[in-house]
Amino acid sequence: MAQKVPDMKSPIHATFLFPACPFLPEVSHPHGHMITRSLGPVKCDRFYFAALSYAQSLWREGKPAQAILQLNKAFMADLSGDQEVLGKFPPPYAALVWLLRNRLEDRFLGNPVRHFQHLATRVSGERKEIRSWRAWACFHLSQRVLPGEEFPPDEEQMAKEQIVFPVWGDVLEMIRQNGWRGEAEVLESVGSAL
């Protein structure tokens, strides 16, 4: 259920208007797009952490749709699963669920269900197969959290492109086979809690 926007006369933080997501790195000031762009094409652990930090910044600035896009970006990182940052900030499935559950009235969220459907079916670039499976995972999580009448899938695309949504078990298995070490277990735990 969407939350009311806090009274702007008494901000929660001198810079930010909204409380932090507990599943993302804490940030003390707003970040800009250069936080990830400055790393260039290298999608290392620093890129992953930067994308999560930028997501937190955007969320706290009251930009939930843009924050979710940064979670997508974090999933672009080329990691194995052994990186220290993943121990502290696991694959951001729980962060996504938290952002969706704590969505704010009068702040643009878009339609995450439709967004992840489109991302899963149109992803391109490096590691596109695993990124597509991650988008399907986020699609399923979004469907479980958000009311279907407000956040429906794109039925026109489904009919036109004859899209069949993969079932949850298949998504988990493909992430287990192709994702970061331990990623499927994180996803399974988040999904089981819904």
Protein backbone atom coordinates (compact mmCIF):
# COMPACT_ATOMS: atom_id res chain seq x y z
CA MET A 1 0.00 0.00 0.00
CA ALA A 2 1.34 3.41 -0.96
CA GLN A 3 2.51 5.63 1.86
CA LYS A 4 1.75 9.32 2.25
CA VAL A 5 4.50 11.76 1.38
CA PRO A 6 6.01 13.20 4.58
CA ASP A 7 5.35 16.81 5.51
CA MET A 8 7.96 18.77 3.56
CA LYS A 9 8.30 21.31 6.40
CA SER A 10 10.13 18.79 8.53
CA PRO A 11 12.44 16.71 6.33
CA ILE A 12 13.80 13.44 7.70
CA HIS A 13 17.36 14.41 6.74
CA ALA A 14 18.91 17.74 5.89
CA THR A 15 19.33 16.57 2.28
CA PHE A 16 16.85 13.75 1.82
CA LEU A 17 13.09 13.72 2.25
CA PHE A 18 12.50 9.99 2.68
CA PRO A 19 13.81 7.26 4.99
CA ALA A 20 16.54 4.92 3.78
CA CYS A 21 15.93 1.47 2.37
CA PRO A 22 17.59 -0.92 4.84
CA PHE A 23 18.74 -3.23 2.01
CA LEU A 24 20.80 -0.57 0.23
CA PRO A 25 24.00 1.26 1.23
CA GLU A 26 23.43 4.37 3.32
CA VAL A 27 24.30 7.62 1.57
CA SER A 28 24.92 11.00 3.15
CA HIS A 29 24.29 13.19 0.09
CA PRO A 30 22.60 12.96 -3.31
CA HIS A 31 24.50 11.11 -6.01
CA GLY A 32 24.40 11.71 -9.74
CA HIS A 33 24.68 9.46 -12.78
CA MET A 34 28.46 9.88 -12.88
CA ILE A 35 28.78 7.58 -9.86
CA THR A 36 28.43 4.59 -12.19
CA ARG A 37 29.44 6.22 -15.47
CA SER A 38 32.84 7.21 -14.02
CA LEU A 39 33.73 3.53 -13.81
CA GLY A 40 33.46 3.23 -17.59
CA PRO A 41 32.67 -0.14 -19.11
CA VAL A 42 34.06 -2.04 -16.11
CA LYS A 43 31.13 -3.72 -14.35
CA CYS A 44 33.08 -4.72 -11.24
CA ASP A 45 32.15 -4.83 -7.56
CA ARG A 46 32.66 -1.05 -7.33
CA PHE A 47 30.10 -0.61 -10.13
CA TYR A 48 27.62 -2.83 -8.25
CA PHE A 49 28.06 -0.85 -5.02
CA ALA A 50 27.82 2.46 -6.91
CA ALA A 51 24.55 1.43 -8.59
CA LEU A 52 23.06 0.40 -5.23
CA SER A 53 24.22 3.66 -3.64
CA TYR A 54 22.69 5.67 -6.46
CA ALA A 55 19.44 3.70 -6.05
CA GLN A 56 19.37 4.67 -2.36
CA SER A 57 20.03 8.31 -3.22
CA LEU A 58 17.24 8.40 -5.80
CA TRP A 59 14.82 6.69 -3.43
CA ARG A 60 15.58 9.16 -0.65
CA GLU A 61 15.10 12.03 -3.10
CA GLY A 62 11.60 10.73 -3.84
CA LYS A 63 12.36 9.16 -7.24
CA PRO A 64 11.30 5.51 -6.85
CA ALA A 65 11.05 4.67 -10.57
CA GLN A 66 14.61 5.89 -11.13
CA ALA A 67 15.79 4.01 -8.04
CA ILE A 68 14.41 0.78 -9.53
CA LEU A 69 16.30 1.47 -12.76
CA GLN A 70 19.50 1.56 -10.72
CA LEU A 71 18.69 -1.86 -9.27
CA ASN A 72 18.51 -3.03 -12.90
CA LYS A 73 21.92 -1.48 -13.44
CA ALA A 74 23.37 -3.27 -10.39
CA PHE A 75 22.28 -6.57 -11.96
CA MET A 76 24.55 -5.73 -14.94
CA ALA A 77 27.65 -6.22 -12.78
CA ASP A 78 30.00 -8.99 -13.83
CA LEU A 79 30.50 -10.73 -10.50
CA SER A 80 31.13 -14.33 -9.43
CA GLY A 81 29.42 -14.30 -6.06
CA ASP A 82 32.61 -14.28 -3.97
CA GLN A 83 32.90 -10.50 -3.79
CA GLU A 84 32.78 -8.99 -0.32
CA VAL A 85 30.15 -6.45 -1.36
CA LEU A 86 27.65 -9.26 -2.03
CA GLY A 87 28.07 -10.45 1.55
CA LYS A 88 27.03 -7.04 2.82
CA PHE A 89 24.57 -6.15 0.04
CA PRO A 90 23.16 -9.34 -1.52
CA PRO A 91 21.53 -9.29 -4.96
CA PRO A 92 18.92 -6.54 -4.56
CA TYR A 93 15.74 -8.60 -4.69
CA ALA A 94 14.84 -7.68 -1.09
CA ALA A 95 15.60 -4.03 -1.87
CA LEU A 96 13.14 -4.15 -4.77
CA VAL A 97 10.41 -5.66 -2.59
CA TRP A 98 11.03 -3.07 0.11
CA LEU A 99 10.83 -0.18 -2.38
CA LEU A 100 7.58 -1.55 -3.80
CA ARG A 101 6.03 -2.10 -0.38
CA ASN A 102 7.04 1.36 0.77
CA ARG A 103 6.07 3.20 -2.41
CA LEU A 104 5.04 6.77 -1.88
CA GLU A 105 1.84 8.50 -2.93
CA ASP A 106 2.30 11.25 -5.52
CA ARG A 107 5.74 9.95 -6.53
CA PHE A 108 6.19 8.40 -9.96
CA LEU A 109 6.68 4.65 -9.72
CA GLY A 110 5.59 3.71 -13.21
CA ASN A 111 4.42 0.12 -13.61
CA PRO A 112 7.22 -2.16 -12.40
CA VAL A 113 5.37 -5.29 -13.55
CA ARG A 114 5.22 -3.98 -17.11
CA HIS A 115 8.76 -2.57 -16.87
CA PHE A 116 10.26 -5.91 -15.91
CA GLN A 117 8.19 -7.71 -18.57
CA HIS A 118 9.58 -5.37 -21.21
CA LEU A 119 13.11 -5.60 -19.83
CA ALA A 120 13.03 -9.42 -19.78
CA THR A 121 11.85 -9.63 -23.38
CA ARG A 122 14.04 -6.86 -24.82
CA VAL A 123 17.29 -6.93 -22.86
CA SER A 124 20.42 -6.62 -24.97
CA GLY A 125 24.15 -6.26 -24.47
CA GLU A 126 26.52 -8.18 -22.27
CA ARG A 127 25.24 -11.16 -20.27
CA LYS A 128 21.76 -10.60 -21.71
CA GLU A 129 20.51 -14.11 -20.91
CA ILE A 130 21.09 -13.90 -17.14
CA ARG A 131 19.87 -10.30 -17.09
CA SER A 132 16.67 -11.44 -18.76
CA TRP A 133 16.16 -14.13 -16.10
CA ARG A 134 16.78 -11.56 -13.36
CA ALA A 135 14.16 -9.31 -14.94
CA TRP A 136 11.70 -12.24 -14.91
CA ALA A 137 12.51 -12.75 -11.22
CA CYS A 138 11.78 -9.07 -10.54
CA PHE A 139 8.60 -9.36 -12.64
CA HIS A 140 7.37 -12.19 -10.40
CA LEU A 141 8.29 -10.33 -7.19
CA SER A 142 6.55 -7.18 -8.45
CA GLN A 143 3.41 -9.15 -9.31
CA ARG A 144 3.33 -10.63 -5.82
CA VAL A 145 3.74 -7.28 -4.06
CA LEU A 146 1.73 -4.86 -6.20
CA PRO A 147 -2.06 -4.92 -6.71
CA GLY A 148 -2.72 -6.43 -10.14
CA GLU A 149 -5.53 -4.04 -11.05
CA GLU A 150 -3.20 -1.05 -10.63
CA PHE A 151 -0.08 -2.69 -12.06
CA PRO A 152 -1.08 -5.11 -14.83
CA PRO A 153 1.28 -6.80 -17.28
CA ASP A 154 1.37 -5.61 -20.89
CA GLU A 155 -1.31 -7.82 -22.41
CA GLU A 156 -0.94 -6.21 -25.83
CA GLN A 157 2.71 -7.26 -25.98
CA MET A 158 1.76 -10.73 -24.71
CA ALA A 159 -0.75 -11.19 -27.54
CA LYS A 160 1.31 -9.56 -30.27
CA GLU A 161 4.58 -11.36 -29.46
CA GLN A 162 2.98 -14.55 -28.06
CA ILE A 163 4.86 -14.16 -24.80
CA VAL A 164 4.52 -16.89 -22.20
CA PHE A 165 5.77 -15.89 -18.78
CA PRO A 166 8.26 -18.37 -17.33
CA VAL A 167 7.10 -19.95 -14.08
CA TRP A 168 8.83 -19.09 -10.81
CA GLY A 169 10.55 -22.48 -10.52
CA ASP A 170 12.11 -22.13 -13.98
CA VAL A 171 13.31 -18.62 -13.17
CA LEU A 172 14.95 -19.86 -9.96
CA GLU A 173 16.62 -22.75 -11.77
CA MET A 174 18.03 -20.56 -14.54
CA ILE A 175 19.41 -18.10 -12.00
CA ARG A 176 20.87 -21.01 -10.04
CA GLN A 177 22.64 -22.22 -13.20
CA ASN A 178 23.76 -18.86 -14.60
CA GLY A 179 23.71 -16.24 -11.84
CA TRP A 180 26.15 -15.25 -9.16
CA ARG A 181 27.04 -17.89 -6.59
CA GLY A 182 24.34 -17.81 -3.91
CA GLU A 183 22.02 -15.54 -5.92
CA ALA A 184 19.28 -18.15 -6.37
CA GLU A 185 19.21 -18.80 -2.63
CA VAL A 186 18.77 -15.08 -1.96
CA LEU A 187 15.96 -14.88 -4.52
CA GLU A 188 14.27 -18.00 -3.16
CA SER A 189 14.36 -16.61 0.37
CA VAL A 190 12.88 -13.28 -0.70
CA GLY A 191 10.18 -15.00 -2.75
CA SER A 192 9.29 -17.40 0.07
CA ALA A 193 8.71 -14.48 2.44
CA LEU A 194 5.98 -13.01 0.21
